[in-house]
Amino acid sequence: MIEFTKLHEGRILQLTLTGKLSREDYKHFLPEIEQLIETHGKISILMFMVDFHGWTAGGLVEDTQFAVRHARHIDRIAMVGDKKWEHGMAVVCKPFTSAEIRFFEPSQAADARAWVEHGAKAEAA
């Protein structure tokens, strides 16, 4: 499941990923993010992975297609998680996007938020 909250007038999208993401999750989520990109040009993402187990096959296809379409529309991605593979995901994603990506432990959630907000404020200026 993907839960999302718009922050800073939609310049930042806070996501909470739980369970296994499916194609249906993306069908619900993508229109919202595409509207924010259309409005702002570029956005940043603050992503919390909580009891996250990856993707179904359909979810992985949707995620890959999203990454290809919007690689240049994401300014910063802060990934907050506590699993080693989640940290690895931050490293693997870097070649596929122009976004700055940083991984944070759950105890560093405030630092993750501050880092993303700093980028959004600079982008808005």
N, C-alpha and C. Protein backbone atom coordinates (compact mmCIF):
# COMPACT_ATOMS: atom_id res chain seq x y z
N MET A 1 0.84 -1.17 0.00
CA MET A 1 0.00 0.00 0.00
C MET A 1 0.88 1.24 0.00
N ILE A 2 0.42 2.27 -0.68
CA ILE A 2 1.09 3.57 -0.71
C ILE A 2 0.14 4.60 -0.10
N GLU A 3 0.58 5.21 0.98
CA GLU A 3 -0.15 6.36 1.54
C GLU A 3 0.66 7.59 1.20
N PHE A 4 0.00 8.67 0.83
CA PHE A 4 0.75 9.87 0.47
C PHE A 4 0.10 11.12 1.04
N THR A 5 0.98 12.08 1.33
CA THR A 5 0.59 13.37 1.87
C THR A 5 1.37 14.43 1.11
N LYS A 6 0.69 15.48 0.69
CA LYS A 6 1.34 16.60 0.02
C LYS A 6 1.85 17.57 1.07
N LEU A 7 3.10 17.97 0.94
CA LEU A 7 3.72 18.95 1.84
C LEU A 7 4.23 20.13 1.01
N HIS A 8 4.35 21.27 1.64
CA HIS A 8 4.88 22.47 0.99
C HIS A 8 4.17 22.73 -0.34
N GLU A 9 2.85 22.81 -0.26
CA GLU A 9 2.00 23.11 -1.42
C GLU A 9 2.19 22.12 -2.56
N GLY A 10 2.57 20.89 -2.21
CA GLY A 10 2.73 19.84 -3.22
C GLY A 10 4.12 19.74 -3.82
N ARG A 11 5.05 20.54 -3.34
CA ARG A 11 6.42 20.44 -3.84
C ARG A 11 7.13 19.21 -3.27
N ILE A 12 6.62 18.72 -2.14
CA ILE A 12 7.15 17.50 -1.53
C ILE A 12 5.99 16.53 -1.39
N LEU A 13 6.26 15.30 -1.76
CA LEU A 13 5.28 14.23 -1.58
C LEU A 13 5.84 13.27 -0.55
N GLN A 14 5.14 13.15 0.56
CA GLN A 14 5.54 12.20 1.60
C GLN A 14 4.81 10.89 1.34
N LEU A 15 5.58 9.82 1.19
CA LEU A 15 5.02 8.50 0.92
C LEU A 15 5.31 7.57 2.08
N THR A 16 4.36 6.72 2.40
CA THR A 16 4.60 5.62 3.33
C THR A 16 4.28 4.35 2.57
N LEU A 17 5.28 3.50 2.40
CA LEU A 17 5.14 2.25 1.68
C LEU A 17 5.06 1.11 2.69
N THR A 18 4.02 0.31 2.58
CA THR A 18 3.86 -0.85 3.47
C THR A 18 3.46 -2.06 2.64
N GLY A 19 3.80 -3.22 3.15
CA GLY A 19 3.44 -4.45 2.48
C GLY A 19 4.13 -4.58 1.14
N LYS A 20 3.45 -5.18 0.19
CA LYS A 20 3.95 -5.38 -1.17
C LYS A 20 3.15 -4.49 -2.10
N LEU A 21 3.83 -3.67 -2.89
CA LEU A 21 3.15 -2.74 -3.79
C LEU A 21 2.69 -3.45 -5.05
N SER A 22 1.45 -3.19 -5.43
CA SER A 22 0.85 -3.83 -6.60
C SER A 22 0.56 -2.80 -7.69
N ARG A 23 0.20 -3.30 -8.83
CA ARG A 23 -0.20 -2.43 -9.94
C ARG A 23 -1.36 -1.52 -9.51
N GLU A 24 -2.29 -2.05 -8.73
CA GLU A 24 -3.44 -1.27 -8.27
C GLU A 24 -3.02 -0.11 -7.39
N ASP A 25 -2.00 -0.32 -6.56
CA ASP A 25 -1.47 0.78 -5.74
C ASP A 25 -1.01 1.93 -6.62
N TYR A 26 -0.31 1.60 -7.69
CA TYR A 26 0.20 2.63 -8.59
C TYR A 26 -0.93 3.32 -9.36
N LYS A 27 -1.96 2.59 -9.72
CA LYS A 27 -3.09 3.19 -10.43
C LYS A 27 -3.76 4.26 -9.57
N HIS A 28 -3.75 4.07 -8.26
CA HIS A 28 -4.32 5.03 -7.32
C HIS A 28 -3.38 6.22 -7.12
N PHE A 29 -2.10 5.96 -7.09
CA PHE A 29 -1.09 6.94 -6.72
C PHE A 29 -0.60 7.79 -7.89
N LEU A 30 -0.42 7.20 -9.05
CA LEU A 30 0.21 7.91 -10.17
C LEU A 30 -0.53 9.16 -10.64
N PRO A 31 -1.85 9.16 -10.75
CA PRO A 31 -2.51 10.41 -11.17
C PRO A 31 -2.20 11.58 -10.24
N GLU A 32 -2.12 11.32 -8.96
CA GLU A 32 -1.80 12.38 -7.99
C GLU A 32 -0.40 12.94 -8.22
N ILE A 33 0.58 12.05 -8.35
CA ILE A 33 1.96 12.52 -8.51
C ILE A 33 2.14 13.21 -9.86
N GLU A 34 1.49 12.72 -10.89
CA GLU A 34 1.60 13.35 -12.19
C GLU A 34 0.98 14.74 -12.19
N GLN A 35 -0.07 14.94 -11.43
CA GLN A 35 -0.67 16.27 -11.29
C GLN A 35 0.30 17.23 -10.58
N LEU A 36 0.97 16.75 -9.55
CA LEU A 36 1.94 17.58 -8.84
C LEU A 36 3.11 17.96 -9.75
N ILE A 37 3.56 17.01 -10.54
CA ILE A 37 4.66 17.29 -11.48
C ILE A 37 4.20 18.31 -12.52
N GLU A 38 2.99 18.17 -13.02
CA GLU A 38 2.47 19.13 -13.99
C GLU A 38 2.39 20.53 -13.38
N THR A 39 1.99 20.61 -12.12
CA THR A 39 1.86 21.90 -11.44
C THR A 39 3.20 22.54 -11.14
N HIS A 40 4.16 21.74 -10.63
CA HIS A 40 5.42 22.30 -10.12
C HIS A 40 6.62 22.07 -11.02
N GLY A 41 6.52 21.20 -11.99
CA GLY A 41 7.66 20.88 -12.83
C GLY A 41 8.55 19.83 -12.21
N LYS A 42 9.01 20.09 -10.99
CA LYS A 42 9.83 19.15 -10.24
C LYS A 42 9.29 19.06 -8.82
N ILE A 43 9.38 17.87 -8.26
CA ILE A 43 8.98 17.67 -6.86
C ILE A 43 10.06 16.87 -6.16
N SER A 44 9.97 16.79 -4.86
CA SER A 44 10.84 15.94 -4.05
C SER A 44 9.97 14.91 -3.33
N ILE A 45 10.59 13.82 -2.95
CA ILE A 45 9.86 12.73 -2.30
C ILE A 45 10.53 12.38 -0.97
N LEU A 46 9.71 12.30 0.06
CA LEU A 46 10.12 11.83 1.38
C LEU A 46 9.43 10.48 1.57
N MET A 47 10.20 9.40 1.52
CA MET A 47 9.64 8.05 1.48
C MET A 47 9.97 7.29 2.77
N PHE A 48 8.91 6.83 3.44
CA PHE A 48 9.06 6.00 4.63
C PHE A 48 8.69 4.57 4.26
N MET A 49 9.62 3.65 4.47
CA MET A 49 9.37 2.23 4.21
C MET A 49 9.11 1.56 5.55
N VAL A 50 7.86 1.17 5.79
CA VAL A 50 7.44 0.62 7.07
C VAL A 50 6.85 -0.77 6.81
N ASP A 51 7.52 -1.79 7.29
CA ASP A 51 7.08 -3.16 7.03
C ASP A 51 6.88 -3.35 5.52
N PHE A 52 7.82 -2.84 4.76
CA PHE A 52 7.77 -2.87 3.30
C PHE A 52 8.39 -4.16 2.80
N HIS A 53 7.71 -4.81 1.84
CA HIS A 53 8.17 -6.12 1.33
C HIS A 53 8.42 -6.12 -0.17
N GLY A 54 8.52 -4.95 -0.79
CA GLY A 54 8.83 -4.90 -2.21
C GLY A 54 7.59 -4.78 -3.08
N TRP A 55 7.64 -5.41 -4.25
CA TRP A 55 6.61 -5.25 -5.27
C TRP A 55 6.11 -6.59 -5.78
N THR A 56 4.86 -6.60 -6.22
CA THR A 56 4.39 -7.71 -7.03
C THR A 56 4.99 -7.49 -8.42
N ALA A 57 4.85 -8.46 -9.31
CA ALA A 57 5.38 -8.30 -10.67
C ALA A 57 4.75 -7.08 -11.35
N GLY A 58 3.43 -6.94 -11.23
CA GLY A 58 2.75 -5.79 -11.82
C GLY A 58 3.17 -4.48 -11.20
N GLY A 59 3.39 -4.47 -9.90
CA GLY A 59 3.85 -3.28 -9.21
C GLY A 59 5.24 -2.86 -9.66
N LEU A 60 6.11 -3.84 -9.88
CA LEU A 60 7.47 -3.55 -10.34
C LEU A 60 7.45 -2.95 -11.75
N VAL A 61 6.58 -3.46 -12.60
CA VAL A 61 6.43 -2.90 -13.95
C VAL A 61 5.98 -1.45 -13.86
N GLU A 62 4.97 -1.16 -13.06
CA GLU A 62 4.47 0.21 -12.90
C GLU A 62 5.56 1.12 -12.34
N ASP A 63 6.31 0.65 -11.35
CA ASP A 63 7.37 1.45 -10.75
C ASP A 63 8.45 1.77 -11.78
N THR A 64 8.83 0.80 -12.58
CA THR A 64 9.85 1.01 -13.60
C THR A 64 9.37 2.00 -14.65
N GLN A 65 8.14 1.86 -15.10
CA GLN A 65 7.59 2.79 -16.09
C GLN A 65 7.52 4.21 -15.52
N PHE A 66 7.14 4.33 -14.27
CA PHE A 66 7.11 5.65 -13.62
C PHE A 66 8.51 6.25 -13.61
N ALA A 67 9.50 5.46 -13.22
CA ALA A 67 10.88 5.95 -13.14
C ALA A 67 11.37 6.43 -14.49
N VAL A 68 11.06 5.71 -15.55
CA VAL A 68 11.49 6.10 -16.89
C VAL A 68 10.82 7.40 -17.31
N ARG A 69 9.51 7.52 -17.08
CA ARG A 69 8.76 8.72 -17.49
C ARG A 69 9.15 9.96 -16.71
N HIS A 70 9.46 9.80 -15.43
CA HIS A 70 9.61 10.98 -14.57
C HIS A 70 10.98 11.13 -13.93
N ALA A 71 11.99 10.49 -14.47
CA ALA A 71 13.34 10.57 -13.88
C ALA A 71 13.82 12.01 -13.73
N ARG A 72 13.48 12.87 -14.67
CA ARG A 72 13.97 14.26 -14.62
C ARG A 72 13.04 15.19 -13.84
N HIS A 73 11.91 14.67 -13.36
CA HIS A 73 10.95 15.50 -12.64
C HIS A 73 11.06 15.40 -11.12
N ILE A 74 11.98 14.60 -10.65
CA ILE A 74 12.17 14.42 -9.21
C ILE A 74 13.49 15.06 -8.82
N ASP A 75 13.45 16.00 -7.89
CA ASP A 75 14.65 16.71 -7.46
C ASP A 75 15.43 15.93 -6.40
N ARG A 76 14.75 15.54 -5.34
CA ARG A 76 15.39 14.80 -4.24
C ARG A 76 14.48 13.68 -3.77
N ILE A 77 15.11 12.59 -3.37
CA ILE A 77 14.38 11.47 -2.77
C ILE A 77 15.09 11.10 -1.48
N ALA A 78 14.40 11.24 -0.37
CA ALA A 78 14.90 10.80 0.94
C ALA A 78 14.19 9.49 1.26
N MET A 79 14.96 8.43 1.41
CA MET A 79 14.40 7.11 1.70
C MET A 79 14.70 6.77 3.15
N VAL A 80 13.65 6.50 3.92
CA VAL A 80 13.79 6.19 5.34
C VAL A 80 13.36 4.74 5.54
N GLY A 81 14.29 3.92 6.01
CA GLY A 81 13.99 2.51 6.23
C GLY A 81 15.00 1.88 7.17
N ASP A 82 14.72 0.64 7.54
CA ASP A 82 15.62 -0.01 8.50
C ASP A 82 16.17 -1.34 8.02
N LYS A 83 15.93 -1.69 6.77
CA LYS A 83 16.43 -2.96 6.25
C LYS A 83 17.62 -2.74 5.33
N LYS A 84 18.54 -3.67 5.34
CA LYS A 84 19.74 -3.54 4.52
C LYS A 84 19.38 -3.44 3.03
N TRP A 85 18.40 -4.23 2.57
CA TRP A 85 18.03 -4.19 1.16
C TRP A 85 17.39 -2.86 0.78
N GLU A 86 16.74 -2.19 1.74
CA GLU A 86 16.16 -0.88 1.46
C GLU A 86 17.28 0.14 1.23
N HIS A 87 18.33 0.03 2.00
CA HIS A 87 19.49 0.91 1.80
C HIS A 87 20.10 0.62 0.42
N GLY A 88 20.19 -0.65 0.07
CA GLY A 88 20.71 -1.02 -1.24
C GLY A 88 19.85 -0.47 -2.37
N MET A 89 18.56 -0.40 -2.16
CA MET A 89 17.65 0.13 -3.16
C MET A 89 18.00 1.58 -3.49
N ALA A 90 18.40 2.34 -2.49
CA ALA A 90 18.79 3.73 -2.72
C ALA A 90 20.01 3.80 -3.63
N VAL A 91 20.93 2.89 -3.46
CA VAL A 91 22.14 2.85 -4.29
C VAL A 91 21.79 2.42 -5.71
N VAL A 92 20.96 1.41 -5.86
CA VAL A 92 20.60 0.87 -7.17
C VAL A 92 19.81 1.90 -7.99
N CYS A 93 19.00 2.72 -7.35
CA CYS A 93 18.16 3.70 -8.06
C CYS A 93 18.96 4.85 -8.66
N LYS A 94 20.10 5.19 -8.09
CA LYS A 94 20.83 6.40 -8.48
C LYS A 94 21.12 6.51 -9.98
N PRO A 95 21.55 5.45 -10.66
CA PRO A 95 21.85 5.61 -12.09
C PRO A 95 20.62 5.87 -12.97
N PHE A 96 19.43 5.64 -12.44
CA PHE A 96 18.21 5.73 -13.24
C PHE A 96 17.45 7.04 -13.07
N THR A 97 18.03 7.97 -12.35
CA THR A 97 17.35 9.24 -12.12
C THR A 97 18.36 10.36 -11.98
N SER A 98 17.93 11.57 -12.25
CA SER A 98 18.79 12.73 -12.02
C SER A 98 18.60 13.26 -10.60
N ALA A 99 17.68 12.66 -9.84
CA ALA A 99 17.41 13.09 -8.46
C ALA A 99 18.58 12.77 -7.54
N GLU A 100 18.77 13.63 -6.56
CA GLU A 100 19.67 13.30 -5.46
C GLU A 100 18.92 12.31 -4.58
N ILE A 101 19.58 11.23 -4.21
CA ILE A 101 18.94 10.21 -3.37
C ILE A 101 19.81 9.99 -2.14
N ARG A 102 19.16 10.01 -0.99
CA ARG A 102 19.86 9.70 0.27
C ARG A 102 19.01 8.74 1.09
N PHE A 103 19.70 7.85 1.78
CA PHE A 103 19.03 6.88 2.66
C PHE A 103 19.24 7.32 4.10
N PHE A 104 18.19 7.17 4.91
CA PHE A 104 18.23 7.54 6.32
C PHE A 104 17.64 6.41 7.15
N GLU A 105 18.21 6.18 8.30
CA GLU A 105 17.66 5.24 9.27
C GLU A 105 16.42 5.89 9.90
N PRO A 106 15.49 5.09 10.45
CA PRO A 106 14.31 5.68 11.09
C PRO A 106 14.63 6.72 12.16
N SER A 107 15.73 6.54 12.88
CA SER A 107 16.12 7.51 13.90
C SER A 107 16.54 8.85 13.29
N GLN A 108 16.75 8.88 11.99
CA GLN A 108 17.17 10.09 11.28
C GLN A 108 16.02 10.70 10.47
N ALA A 109 14.79 10.35 10.80
CA ALA A 109 13.63 10.83 10.02
C ALA A 109 13.57 12.35 9.97
N ALA A 110 13.89 13.02 11.06
CA ALA A 110 13.87 14.50 11.07
C ALA A 110 14.94 15.05 10.13
N ASP A 111 16.09 14.40 10.07
CA ASP A 111 17.14 14.82 9.13
C ASP A 111 16.69 14.62 7.69
N ALA A 112 16.00 13.52 7.41
CA ALA A 112 15.49 13.25 6.07
C ALA A 112 14.51 14.34 5.65
N ARG A 113 13.61 14.67 6.54
CA ARG A 113 12.62 15.71 6.25
C ARG A 113 13.32 17.06 6.01
N ALA A 114 14.27 17.41 6.84
CA ALA A 114 14.98 18.68 6.70
C ALA A 114 15.74 18.73 5.36
N TRP A 115 16.36 17.64 4.98
CA TRP A 115 17.12 17.59 3.73
C TRP A 115 16.19 17.79 2.53
N VAL A 116 15.05 17.11 2.52
CA VAL A 116 14.09 17.25 1.43
C VAL A 116 13.50 18.66 1.42
N GLU A 117 13.15 19.19 2.58
CA GLU A 117 12.58 20.53 2.64
C GLU A 117 13.57 21.59 2.17
N HIS A 118 14.84 21.42 2.50
CA HIS A 118 15.87 22.36 2.06
C HIS A 118 15.91 22.41 0.52
N GLY A 119 15.85 21.24 -0.10
CA GLY A 119 15.84 21.19 -1.57
C GLY A 119 14.59 21.82 -2.15
N ALA A 120 13.44 21.60 -1.53
CA ALA A 120 12.19 22.16 -2.04
C ALA A 120 12.20 23.69 -1.91
N LYS A 121 12.75 24.21 -0.83
CA LYS A 121 12.81 25.66 -0.65
C LYS A 121 13.73 26.29 -1.68
N ALA A 122 14.86 25.62 -1.96
CA ALA A 122 15.79 26.13 -2.98
C ALA A 122 15.14 26.11 -4.36
N GLU A 123 14.40 25.06 -4.66
CA GLU A 123 13.71 24.92 -5.95
C GLU A 123 12.63 25.99 -6.12
N ALA A 124 11.94 26.32 -5.02
CA ALA A 124 10.85 27.30 -5.09
C ALA A 124 11.38 28.73 -5.24
N ALA A 125 12.60 28.96 -4.79
CA ALA A 125 13.17 30.33 -4.81
C ALA A 125 13.53 30.80 -6.20
